[in-house]
Amino acid sequence: MTSLPGDSDNRDLEAEPLVCARCGTRTEGPRPTWTCSVENGVRQYFCDTCSRENLRAIEGRLDSAWW
């Protein structure tokens, strides 16, 4: 994941629990196997299970609303 210089979304991932935008699964700290998606300027995270179940839609760059 890359960020532009001066990006305002410089949150500390270790301090804030991640929540899957699809199923609501919570986790503490960063998870390298979770998927991060930016849709309409909003960063969303998806757990391993939701990412696997929707892999073709993710590769096709469909917004999660279409899954």
N, C-alpha and C. Protein backbone atom coordinates (compact mmCIF):
# COMPACT_ATOMS: atom_id res chain seq x y z
N MET A 1 0.85 -1.15 0.00
CA MET A 1 0.00 0.00 0.00
C MET A 1 0.91 1.23 0.00
N THR A 2 0.64 2.14 -0.89
CA THR A 2 1.43 3.36 -0.95
C THR A 2 0.55 4.56 -0.64
N SER A 3 1.17 5.59 -0.14
CA SER A 3 0.47 6.82 0.18
C SER A 3 1.20 7.98 -0.47
N LEU A 4 0.44 8.96 -0.83
CA LEU A 4 1.04 10.17 -1.39
C LEU A 4 1.62 11.01 -0.27
N PRO A 5 2.67 11.78 -0.56
CA PRO A 5 3.22 12.67 0.46
C PRO A 5 2.13 13.63 0.95
N GLY A 6 2.05 13.80 2.26
CA GLY A 6 1.04 14.68 2.83
C GLY A 6 -0.34 14.06 2.92
N ASP A 7 -0.44 12.75 2.69
CA ASP A 7 -1.72 12.05 2.78
C ASP A 7 -2.30 12.24 4.18
N SER A 8 -3.55 12.65 4.26
CA SER A 8 -4.16 12.95 5.56
C SER A 8 -4.60 11.70 6.31
N ASP A 9 -4.57 10.52 5.68
CA ASP A 9 -5.02 9.29 6.32
C ASP A 9 -3.81 8.51 6.83
N ASN A 10 -3.08 9.10 7.76
CA ASN A 10 -1.89 8.47 8.32
C ASN A 10 -2.17 7.87 9.68
N ARG A 11 -3.26 7.10 9.81
CA ARG A 11 -3.62 6.54 11.10
C ARG A 11 -2.70 5.38 11.46
N ASP A 12 -2.54 5.16 12.75
CA ASP A 12 -1.71 4.08 13.26
C ASP A 12 -2.55 2.82 13.31
N LEU A 13 -2.27 1.87 12.41
CA LEU A 13 -3.09 0.66 12.31
C LEU A 13 -2.98 -0.21 13.55
N GLU A 14 -1.89 -0.11 14.29
CA GLU A 14 -1.76 -0.94 15.48
C GLU A 14 -2.62 -0.42 16.63
N ALA A 15 -2.98 0.84 16.60
CA ALA A 15 -3.75 1.43 17.70
C ALA A 15 -5.25 1.27 17.50
N GLU A 16 -5.69 0.98 16.30
CA GLU A 16 -7.12 0.93 16.00
C GLU A 16 -7.49 -0.44 15.45
N PRO A 17 -8.52 -1.10 16.01
CA PRO A 17 -8.92 -2.41 15.49
C PRO A 17 -9.52 -2.28 14.09
N LEU A 18 -9.25 -3.25 13.25
CA LEU A 18 -9.83 -3.27 11.92
C LEU A 18 -11.17 -4.00 11.97
N VAL A 19 -12.11 -3.56 11.14
CA VAL A 19 -13.42 -4.19 11.04
C VAL A 19 -13.67 -4.48 9.57
N CYS A 20 -14.06 -5.72 9.26
CA CYS A 20 -14.37 -6.09 7.89
C CYS A 20 -15.62 -5.33 7.44
N ALA A 21 -15.53 -4.65 6.31
CA ALA A 21 -16.64 -3.85 5.80
C ALA A 21 -17.78 -4.73 5.30
N ARG A 22 -17.52 -6.00 5.07
CA ARG A 22 -18.55 -6.91 4.54
C ARG A 22 -19.28 -7.66 5.65
N CYS A 23 -18.54 -8.33 6.54
CA CYS A 23 -19.16 -9.22 7.54
C CYS A 23 -19.07 -8.70 8.96
N GLY A 24 -18.23 -7.68 9.21
CA GLY A 24 -18.13 -7.10 10.54
C GLY A 24 -17.12 -7.77 11.46
N THR A 25 -16.34 -8.73 10.95
CA THR A 25 -15.30 -9.37 11.75
C THR A 25 -14.32 -8.32 12.25
N ARG A 26 -13.94 -8.42 13.53
CA ARG A 26 -13.00 -7.47 14.13
C ARG A 26 -11.66 -8.14 14.38
N THR A 27 -10.60 -7.35 14.33
CA THR A 27 -9.27 -7.84 14.63
C THR A 27 -8.47 -6.73 15.29
N GLU A 28 -7.54 -7.12 16.12
CA GLU A 28 -6.64 -6.16 16.76
C GLU A 28 -5.34 -6.11 15.95
N GLY A 29 -4.91 -4.92 15.64
CA GLY A 29 -3.64 -4.75 14.94
C GLY A 29 -3.74 -5.05 13.46
N PRO A 30 -2.67 -4.80 12.72
CA PRO A 30 -2.67 -5.00 11.28
C PRO A 30 -2.70 -6.48 10.91
N ARG A 31 -3.38 -6.80 9.86
CA ARG A 31 -3.45 -8.16 9.33
C ARG A 31 -2.97 -8.11 7.88
N PRO A 32 -1.79 -8.65 7.60
CA PRO A 32 -1.24 -8.56 6.24
C PRO A 32 -2.05 -9.33 5.20
N THR A 33 -2.93 -10.24 5.64
CA THR A 33 -3.71 -11.01 4.68
C THR A 33 -5.07 -10.40 4.40
N TRP A 34 -5.42 -9.34 5.09
CA TRP A 34 -6.69 -8.65 4.82
C TRP A 34 -6.53 -7.79 3.57
N THR A 35 -7.63 -7.52 2.89
CA THR A 35 -7.63 -6.71 1.68
C THR A 35 -8.06 -5.29 2.03
N CYS A 36 -7.36 -4.33 1.47
CA CYS A 36 -7.72 -2.92 1.65
C CYS A 36 -8.22 -2.40 0.31
N SER A 37 -9.35 -1.71 0.33
CA SER A 37 -9.94 -1.16 -0.88
C SER A 37 -10.32 0.29 -0.62
N VAL A 38 -10.08 1.16 -1.59
CA VAL A 38 -10.51 2.54 -1.49
C VAL A 38 -11.66 2.73 -2.48
N GLU A 39 -12.85 2.97 -1.95
CA GLU A 39 -14.04 3.13 -2.77
C GLU A 39 -14.67 4.48 -2.46
N ASN A 40 -14.82 5.31 -3.47
CA ASN A 40 -15.37 6.66 -3.31
C ASN A 40 -14.60 7.46 -2.25
N GLY A 41 -13.28 7.28 -2.23
CA GLY A 41 -12.42 8.01 -1.32
C GLY A 41 -12.40 7.49 0.11
N VAL A 42 -13.08 6.37 0.37
CA VAL A 42 -13.14 5.79 1.71
C VAL A 42 -12.37 4.48 1.73
N ARG A 43 -11.45 4.35 2.69
CA ARG A 43 -10.67 3.12 2.83
C ARG A 43 -11.49 2.08 3.57
N GLN A 44 -11.63 0.88 2.97
CA GLN A 44 -12.37 -0.22 3.58
C GLN A 44 -11.47 -1.45 3.65
N TYR A 45 -11.68 -2.26 4.69
CA TYR A 45 -10.89 -3.48 4.86
C TYR A 45 -11.82 -4.68 4.80
N PHE A 46 -11.30 -5.79 4.22
CA PHE A 46 -12.07 -7.02 4.10
C PHE A 46 -11.24 -8.17 4.65
N CYS A 47 -11.89 -9.02 5.46
CA CYS A 47 -11.20 -10.15 6.10
C CYS A 47 -10.81 -11.20 5.06
N ASP A 48 -10.03 -12.18 5.51
CA ASP A 48 -9.57 -13.26 4.62
C ASP A 48 -10.73 -13.96 3.94
N THR A 49 -11.75 -14.32 4.72
CA THR A 49 -12.88 -15.09 4.19
C THR A 49 -13.64 -14.30 3.13
N CYS A 50 -13.99 -13.06 3.42
CA CYS A 50 -14.71 -12.24 2.45
C CYS A 50 -13.86 -11.98 1.20
N SER A 51 -12.57 -11.79 1.38
CA SER A 51 -11.68 -11.57 0.25
C SER A 51 -11.64 -12.79 -0.65
N ARG A 52 -11.51 -13.98 -0.05
CA ARG A 52 -11.47 -15.22 -0.85
C ARG A 52 -12.79 -15.46 -1.59
N GLU A 53 -13.90 -15.23 -0.89
CA GLU A 53 -15.21 -15.50 -1.49
C GLU A 53 -15.52 -14.55 -2.64
N ASN A 54 -14.88 -13.40 -2.68
CA ASN A 54 -15.17 -12.40 -3.70
C ASN A 54 -13.95 -12.04 -4.54
N LEU A 55 -13.02 -12.98 -4.67
CA LEU A 55 -11.76 -12.72 -5.35
C LEU A 55 -11.95 -12.24 -6.79
N ARG A 56 -12.83 -12.87 -7.55
CA ARG A 56 -13.02 -12.46 -8.95
C ARG A 56 -13.57 -11.03 -9.05
N ALA A 57 -14.48 -10.67 -8.17
CA ALA A 57 -15.02 -9.31 -8.18
C ALA A 57 -13.94 -8.30 -7.82
N ILE A 58 -13.07 -8.67 -6.86
CA ILE A 58 -11.98 -7.78 -6.47
C ILE A 58 -11.01 -7.60 -7.64
N GLU A 59 -10.64 -8.71 -8.29
CA GLU A 59 -9.73 -8.62 -9.44
C GLU A 59 -10.35 -7.84 -10.59
N GLY A 60 -11.68 -7.90 -10.73
CA GLY A 60 -12.36 -7.15 -11.76
C GLY A 60 -12.59 -5.69 -11.38
N ARG A 61 -12.09 -5.31 -10.20
CA ARG A 61 -12.18 -3.94 -9.68
C ARG A 61 -13.62 -3.46 -9.51
N LEU A 62 -14.51 -4.38 -9.17
CA LEU A 62 -15.89 -4.00 -8.87
C LEU A 62 -15.96 -3.47 -7.45
N ASP A 63 -16.73 -2.43 -7.22
CA ASP A 63 -16.96 -1.94 -5.86
C ASP A 63 -17.65 -3.01 -5.06
N SER A 64 -17.44 -3.02 -3.76
CA SER A 64 -18.01 -4.06 -2.90
C SER A 64 -19.54 -4.08 -2.94
N ALA A 65 -20.17 -3.00 -3.32
CA ALA A 65 -21.64 -2.97 -3.44
C ALA A 65 -22.12 -3.98 -4.48
N TRP A 66 -21.27 -4.34 -5.45
CA TRP A 66 -21.65 -5.29 -6.50
C TRP A 66 -21.42 -6.74 -6.10
N TRP A 67 -20.73 -7.00 -5.00
CA TRP A 67 -20.45 -8.37 -4.59
C TRP A 67 -21.72 -9.00 -4.11
